[in-house]
Amino acid sequence: MRQTVVGMTRTVVATLWRDGGQRTARRNAWAAMVSDNVRARARAEAAAAVALADTQQSAGQPVAALRG
């Protein structure tokens, strides 16, 4: 009886979760890649803003003039 229950449980689990967790791992990897991309874009925008502010300040213009 116990072997039958274990065998049926394994069959159900194998049928329902055929990917062996790959789908979840891929979803997690994709989410991490997207968030890393967002952070990298924000970092690049911040670096560009700092560089622009530094350029404007060294040219003698006040930094407040950058706000538009």
PDB file of N, CA and C in Angstrom:
ATOM      1  N   MET A   1       0.819  -1.189   0.000  1.00  0.00           N
ATOM      2  CA  MET A   1       0.000   0.000   0.000  1.00  0.00           C
ATOM      3  C   MET A   1       0.866   1.258   0.000  1.00  0.00           C
ATOM      4  N   ARG A   2       1.896   1.270   0.842  1.00  0.00           N
ATOM      5  CA  ARG A   2       2.758   2.436   0.950  1.00  0.00           C
ATOM      6  C   ARG A   2       3.469   2.695  -0.376  1.00  0.00           C
ATOM      7  N   GLN A   3       3.934   1.653  -1.036  1.00  0.00           N
ATOM      8  CA  GLN A   3       4.615   1.813  -2.319  1.00  0.00           C
ATOM      9  C   GLN A   3       3.672   2.412  -3.364  1.00  0.00           C
ATOM     10  N   THR A   4       2.421   2.039  -3.317  1.00  0.00           N
ATOM     11  CA  THR A   4       1.451   2.551  -4.267  1.00  0.00           C
ATOM     12  C   THR A   4       1.230   4.048  -4.057  1.00  0.00           C
ATOM     13  N   VAL A   5       1.107   4.469  -2.807  1.00  0.00           N
ATOM     14  CA  VAL A   5       0.898   5.888  -2.503  1.00  0.00           C
ATOM     15  C   VAL A   5       2.124   6.693  -2.909  1.00  0.00           C
ATOM     16  N   VAL A   6       3.307   6.187  -2.613  1.00  0.00           N
ATOM     17  CA  VAL A   6       4.542   6.877  -2.974  1.00  0.00           C
ATOM     18  C   VAL A   6       4.681   6.956  -4.493  1.00  0.00           C
ATOM     19  N   GLY A   7       4.377   5.873  -5.164  1.00  0.00           N
ATOM     20  CA  GLY A   7       4.461   5.863  -6.623  1.00  0.00           C
ATOM     21  C   GLY A   7       3.469   6.820  -7.251  1.00  0.00           C
ATOM     22  N   MET A   8       2.241   6.847  -6.728  1.00  0.00           N
ATOM     23  CA  MET A   8       1.232   7.763  -7.255  1.00  0.00           C
ATOM     24  C   MET A   8       1.629   9.204  -6.985  1.00  0.00           C
ATOM     25  N   THR A   9       2.171   9.469  -5.804  1.00  0.00           N
ATOM     26  CA  THR A   9       2.608  10.829  -5.468  1.00  0.00           C
ATOM     27  C   THR A   9       3.724  11.272  -6.400  1.00  0.00           C
ATOM     28  N   ARG A  10       4.669  10.406  -6.645  1.00  0.00           N
ATOM     29  CA  ARG A  10       5.763  10.738  -7.578  1.00  0.00           C
ATOM     30  C   ARG A  10       5.242  11.008  -8.980  1.00  0.00           C
ATOM     31  N   THR A  11       4.280  10.220  -9.404  1.00  0.00           N
ATOM     32  CA  THR A  11       3.705  10.407 -10.740  1.00  0.00           C
ATOM     33  C   THR A  11       2.983  11.745 -10.837  1.00  0.00           C
ATOM     34  N   VAL A  12       2.214  12.079  -9.814  1.00  0.00           N
ATOM     35  CA  VAL A  12       1.490  13.356  -9.814  1.00  0.00           C
ATOM     36  C   VAL A  12       2.467  14.512  -9.796  1.00  0.00           C
ATOM     37  N   VAL A  13       3.475  14.436  -8.948  1.00  0.00           N
ATOM     38  CA  VAL A  13       4.470  15.508  -8.857  1.00  0.00           C
ATOM     39  C   VAL A  13       5.226  15.649 -10.173  1.00  0.00           C
ATOM     40  N   ALA A  14       5.620  14.545 -10.756  1.00  0.00           N
ATOM     41  CA  ALA A  14       6.350  14.594 -12.023  1.00  0.00           C
ATOM     42  C   ALA A  14       5.486  15.150 -13.143  1.00  0.00           C
ATOM     43  N   THR A  15       4.195  14.864 -13.097  1.00  0.00           N
ATOM     44  CA  THR A  15       3.288  15.364 -14.121  1.00  0.00           C
ATOM     45  C   THR A  15       3.043  16.862 -13.966  1.00  0.00           C
ATOM     46  N   LEU A  16       2.832  17.303 -12.741  1.00  0.00           N
ATOM     47  CA  LEU A  16       2.511  18.701 -12.504  1.00  0.00           C
ATOM     48  C   LEU A  16       3.739  19.609 -12.612  1.00  0.00           C
ATOM     49  N   TRP A  17       4.872  19.116 -12.162  1.00  0.00           N
ATOM     50  CA  TRP A  17       6.083  19.940 -12.161  1.00  0.00           C
ATOM     51  C   TRP A  17       7.151  19.297 -13.035  1.00  0.00           C
ATOM     52  N   ARG A  18       6.873  19.212 -14.304  1.00  0.00           N
ATOM     53  CA  ARG A  18       7.802  18.569 -15.230  1.00  0.00           C
ATOM     54  C   ARG A  18       9.099  19.342 -15.394  1.00  0.00           C
ATOM     55  N   ASP A  19       9.041  20.639 -15.236  1.00  0.00           N
ATOM     56  CA  ASP A  19      10.234  21.441 -15.487  1.00  0.00           C
ATOM     57  C   ASP A  19      11.274  21.305 -14.379  1.00  0.00           C
ATOM     58  N   GLY A  20      10.927  20.708 -13.266  1.00  0.00           N
ATOM     59  CA  GLY A  20      11.889  20.508 -12.193  1.00  0.00           C
ATOM     60  C   GLY A  20      12.354  21.806 -11.563  1.00  0.00           C
ATOM     61  N   GLY A  21      11.546  22.828 -11.618  1.00  0.00           N
ATOM     62  CA  GLY A  21      11.908  24.108 -11.033  1.00  0.00           C
ATOM     63  C   GLY A  21      12.568  25.063 -12.004  1.00  0.00           C
ATOM     64  N   GLN A  22      12.776  24.630 -13.226  1.00  0.00           N
ATOM     65  CA  GLN A  22      13.426  25.494 -14.218  1.00  0.00           C
ATOM     66  C   GLN A  22      12.594  26.727 -14.524  1.00  0.00           C
ATOM     67  N   ARG A  23      11.296  26.571 -14.584  1.00  0.00           N
ATOM     68  CA  ARG A  23      10.433  27.715 -14.906  1.00  0.00           C
ATOM     69  C   ARG A  23      10.574  28.801 -13.840  1.00  0.00           C
ATOM     70  N   THR A  24      10.547  28.393 -12.583  1.00  0.00           N
ATOM     71  CA  THR A  24      10.702  29.356 -11.497  1.00  0.00           C
ATOM     72  C   THR A  24      12.089  29.983 -11.526  1.00  0.00           C
ATOM     73  N   ALA A  25      13.095  29.184 -11.775  1.00  0.00           N
ATOM     74  CA  ALA A  25      14.459  29.711 -11.834  1.00  0.00           C
ATOM     75  C   ALA A  25      14.607  30.711 -12.976  1.00  0.00           C
ATOM     76  N   ARG A  26      14.029  30.412 -14.110  1.00  0.00           N
ATOM     77  CA  ARG A  26      14.098  31.340 -15.239  1.00  0.00           C
ATOM     78  C   ARG A  26      13.331  32.622 -14.942  1.00  0.00           C
ATOM     79  N   ARG A  27      12.176  32.489 -14.308  1.00  0.00           N
ATOM     80  CA  ARG A  27      11.394  33.673 -13.941  1.00  0.00           C
ATOM     81  C   ARG A  27      12.175  34.548 -12.963  1.00  0.00           C
ATOM     82  N   ASN A  28      12.816  33.923 -11.981  1.00  0.00           N
ATOM     83  CA  ASN A  28      13.619  34.675 -11.021  1.00  0.00           C
ATOM     84  C   ASN A  28      14.815  35.338 -11.703  1.00  0.00           C
ATOM     85  N   ALA A  29      15.446  34.632 -12.614  1.00  0.00           N
ATOM     86  CA  ALA A  29      16.598  35.198 -13.322  1.00  0.00           C
ATOM     87  C   ALA A  29      16.164  36.378 -14.184  1.00  0.00           C
ATOM     88  N   TRP A  30      15.026  36.251 -14.830  1.00  0.00           N
ATOM     89  CA  TRP A  30      14.532  37.350 -15.673  1.00  0.00           C
ATOM     90  C   TRP A  30      14.209  38.573 -14.814  1.00  0.00           C
ATOM     91  N   ALA A  31      13.557  38.357 -13.679  1.00  0.00           N
ATOM     92  CA  ALA A  31      13.228  39.472 -12.784  1.00  0.00           C
ATOM     93  C   ALA A  31      14.491  40.152 -12.272  1.00  0.00           C
ATOM     94  N   ALA A  32      15.509  39.371 -11.952  1.00  0.00           N
ATOM     95  CA  ALA A  32      16.775  39.942 -11.489  1.00  0.00           C
ATOM     96  C   ALA A  32      17.446  40.728 -12.598  1.00  0.00           C
ATOM     97  N   MET A  33      17.398  40.224 -13.815  1.00  0.00           N
ATOM     98  CA  MET A  33      18.008  40.921 -14.939  1.00  0.00           C
ATOM     99  C   MET A  33      17.299  42.244 -15.210  1.00  0.00           C
ATOM    100  N   VAL A  34      15.984  42.242 -15.121  1.00  0.00           N
ATOM    101  CA  VAL A  34      15.223  43.473 -15.349  1.00  0.00           C
ATOM    102  C   VAL A  34      15.546  44.509 -14.279  1.00  0.00           C
ATOM    103  N   SER A  35      15.582  44.090 -13.016  1.00  0.00           N
ATOM    104  CA  SER A  35      15.882  45.049 -11.950  1.00  0.00           C
ATOM    105  C   SER A  35      17.319  45.558 -12.051  1.00  0.00           C
ATOM    106  N   ASP A  36      18.245  44.703 -12.456  1.00  0.00           N
ATOM    107  CA  ASP A  36      19.624  45.156 -12.669  1.00  0.00           C
ATOM    108  C   ASP A  36      19.690  46.174 -13.800  1.00  0.00           C
ATOM    109  N   ASN A  37      18.910  45.960 -14.844  1.00  0.00           N
ATOM    110  CA  ASN A  37      18.878  46.895 -15.969  1.00  0.00           C
ATOM    111  C   ASN A  37      18.333  48.253 -15.539  1.00  0.00           C
ATOM    112  N   VAL A  38      17.299  48.232 -14.702  1.00  0.00           N
ATOM    113  CA  VAL A  38      16.723  49.481 -14.201  1.00  0.00           C
ATOM    114  C   VAL A  38      17.752  50.223 -13.357  1.00  0.00           C
ATOM    115  N   ARG A  39      18.437  49.501 -12.480  1.00  0.00           N
ATOM    116  CA  ARG A  39      19.463  50.130 -11.637  1.00  0.00           C
ATOM    117  C   ARG A  39      20.597  50.683 -12.475  1.00  0.00           C
ATOM    118  N   ALA A  40      21.014  49.946 -13.500  1.00  0.00           N
ATOM    119  CA  ALA A  40      22.106  50.415 -14.361  1.00  0.00           C
ATOM    120  C   ALA A  40      21.696  51.679 -15.114  1.00  0.00           C
ATOM    121  N   ARG A  41      20.458  51.722 -15.591  1.00  0.00           N
ATOM    122  CA  ARG A  41      19.973  52.910 -16.291  1.00  0.00           C
ATOM    123  C   ARG A  41      19.941  54.110 -15.349  1.00  0.00           C
ATOM    124  N   ALA A  42      19.450  53.905 -14.133  1.00  0.00           N
ATOM    125  CA  ALA A  42      19.394  54.992 -13.150  1.00  0.00           C
ATOM    126  C   ALA A  42      20.799  55.461 -12.791  1.00  0.00           C
ATOM    127  N   ARG A  43      21.735  54.533 -12.672  1.00  0.00           N
ATOM    128  CA  ARG A  43      23.122  54.876 -12.362  1.00  0.00           C
ATOM    129  C   ARG A  43      23.733  55.698 -13.486  1.00  0.00           C
ATOM    130  N   ALA A  44      23.461  55.311 -14.722  1.00  0.00           N
ATOM    131  CA  ALA A  44      23.990  56.047 -15.876  1.00  0.00           C
ATOM    132  C   ALA A  44      23.386  57.446 -15.950  1.00  0.00           C
ATOM    133  N   GLU A  45      22.085  57.559 -15.681  1.00  0.00           N
ATOM    134  CA  GLU A  45      21.444  58.875 -15.693  1.00  0.00           C
ATOM    135  C   GLU A  45      22.002  59.766 -14.592  1.00  0.00           C
ATOM    136  N   ALA A  46      22.236  59.199 -13.423  1.00  0.00           N
ATOM    137  CA  ALA A  46      22.801  59.978 -12.317  1.00  0.00           C
ATOM    138  C   ALA A  46      24.218  60.425 -12.650  1.00  0.00           C
ATOM    139  N   ALA A  47      25.007  59.546 -13.240  1.00  0.00           N
ATOM    140  CA  ALA A  47      26.379  59.905 -13.616  1.00  0.00           C
ATOM    141  C   ALA A  47      26.379  61.008 -14.664  1.00  0.00           C
ATOM    142  N   ALA A  48      25.458  60.933 -15.606  1.00  0.00           N
ATOM    143  CA  ALA A  48      25.367  61.969 -16.637  1.00  0.00           C
ATOM    144  C   ALA A  48      24.953  63.304 -16.030  1.00  0.00           C
ATOM    145  N   ALA A  49      24.027  63.279 -15.074  1.00  0.00           N
ATOM    146  CA  ALA A  49      23.583  64.509 -14.414  1.00  0.00           C
ATOM    147  C   ALA A  49      24.708  65.127 -13.605  1.00  0.00           C
ATOM    148  N   VAL A  50      25.474  64.301 -12.909  1.00  0.00           N
ATOM    149  CA  VAL A  50      26.610  64.806 -12.127  1.00  0.00           C
ATOM    150  C   VAL A  50      27.670  65.381 -13.053  1.00  0.00           C
ATOM    151  N   ALA A  51      27.941  64.702 -14.152  1.00  0.00           N
ATOM    152  CA  ALA A  51      28.933  65.204 -15.101  1.00  0.00           C
ATOM    153  C   ALA A  51      28.487  66.527 -15.707  1.00  0.00           C
ATOM    154  N   LEU A  52      27.209  66.642 -16.025  1.00  0.00           N
ATOM    155  CA  LEU A  52      26.685  67.881 -16.580  1.00  0.00           C
ATOM    156  C   LEU A  52      26.765  69.011 -15.552  1.00  0.00           C
ATOM    157  N   ALA A  53      26.409  68.714 -14.317  1.00  0.00           N
ATOM    158  CA  ALA A  53      26.484  69.716 -13.257  1.00  0.00           C
ATOM    159  C   ALA A  53      27.924  70.159 -13.040  1.00  0.00           C
ATOM    160  N   ASP A  54      28.845  69.217 -13.080  1.00  0.00           N
ATOM    161  CA  ASP A  54      30.258  69.538 -12.901  1.00  0.00           C
ATOM    162  C   ASP A  54      30.763  70.411 -14.048  1.00  0.00           C
ATOM    163  N   THR A  55      30.351  70.077 -15.266  1.00  0.00           N
ATOM    164  CA  THR A  55      30.744  70.857 -16.438  1.00  0.00           C
ATOM    165  C   THR A  55      30.187  72.271 -16.353  1.00  0.00           C
ATOM    166  N   GLN A  56      28.922  72.395 -15.986  1.00  0.00           N
ATOM    167  CA  GLN A  56      28.286  73.709 -15.884  1.00  0.00           C
ATOM    168  C   GLN A  56      28.919  74.538 -14.768  1.00  0.00           C
ATOM    169  N   GLN A  57      29.236  73.893 -13.656  1.00  0.00           N
ATOM    170  CA  GLN A  57      29.816  74.608 -12.524  1.00  0.00           C
ATOM    171  C   GLN A  57      31.228  75.075 -12.858  1.00  0.00           C
ATOM    172  N   SER A  58      31.992  74.240 -13.546  1.00  0.00           N
ATOM    173  CA  SER A  58      33.355  74.642 -13.902  1.00  0.00           C
ATOM    174  C   SER A  58      33.349  75.722 -14.986  1.00  0.00           C
ATOM    175  N   ALA A  59      32.236  75.838 -15.719  1.00  0.00           N
ATOM    176  CA  ALA A  59      32.112  76.885 -16.731  1.00  0.00           C
ATOM    177  C   ALA A  59      31.630  78.196 -16.121  1.00  0.00           C
ATOM    178  N   GLY A  60      31.315  78.173 -14.836  1.00  0.00           N
ATOM    179  CA  GLY A  60      30.907  79.386 -14.161  1.00  0.00           C
ATOM    180  C   GLY A  60      29.420  79.591 -14.058  1.00  0.00           C
ATOM    181  N   GLN A  61      28.634  78.687 -14.586  1.00  0.00           N
ATOM    182  CA  GLN A  61      27.187  78.826 -14.483  1.00  0.00           C
ATOM    183  C   GLN A  61      26.722  78.215 -13.170  1.00  0.00           C
ATOM    184  N   PRO A  62      25.721  78.801 -12.539  1.00  0.00           N
ATOM    185  CA  PRO A  62      25.211  78.213 -11.294  1.00  0.00           C
ATOM    186  C   PRO A  62      24.503  76.893 -11.584  1.00  0.00           C
ATOM    187  N   VAL A  63      24.605  75.987 -10.637  1.00  0.00           N
ATOM    188  CA  VAL A  63      24.005  74.659 -10.793  1.00  0.00           C
ATOM    189  C   VAL A  63      22.489  74.764 -10.856  1.00  0.00           C
ATOM    190  N   ALA A  64      21.873  75.735 -10.205  1.00  0.00           N
ATOM    191  CA  ALA A  64      20.421  75.901 -10.217  1.00  0.00           C
ATOM    192  C   ALA A  64      19.903  76.159 -11.634  1.00  0.00           C
ATOM    193  N   ALA A  65      20.752  76.655 -12.519  1.00  0.00           N
ATOM    194  CA  ALA A  65      20.335  76.926 -13.879  1.00  0.00           C
ATOM    195  C   ALA A  65      20.070  75.629 -14.648  1.00  0.00           C
ATOM    196  N   LEU A  66      20.534  74.508 -14.147  1.00  0.00           N
ATOM    197  CA  LEU A  66      20.353  73.221 -14.827  1.00  0.00           C
ATOM    198  C   LEU A  66      18.927  72.717 -14.711  1.00  0.00           C
ATOM    199  N   ARG A  67      18.182  73.209 -13.765  1.00  0.00           N
ATOM    200  CA  ARG A  67      16.831  72.695 -13.528  1.00  0.00           C
ATOM    201  C   ARG A  67      15.866  73.095 -14.612  1.00  0.00           C
ATOM    202  N   GLY A  68      16.229  74.030 -15.434  1.00  0.00           N
ATOM    203  CA  GLY A  68      15.408  74.362 -16.589  1.00  0.00           C
ATOM    204  C   GLY A  68      14.474  75.431 -16.324  1.00  0.00           C
TER     205      GLY A  68
END
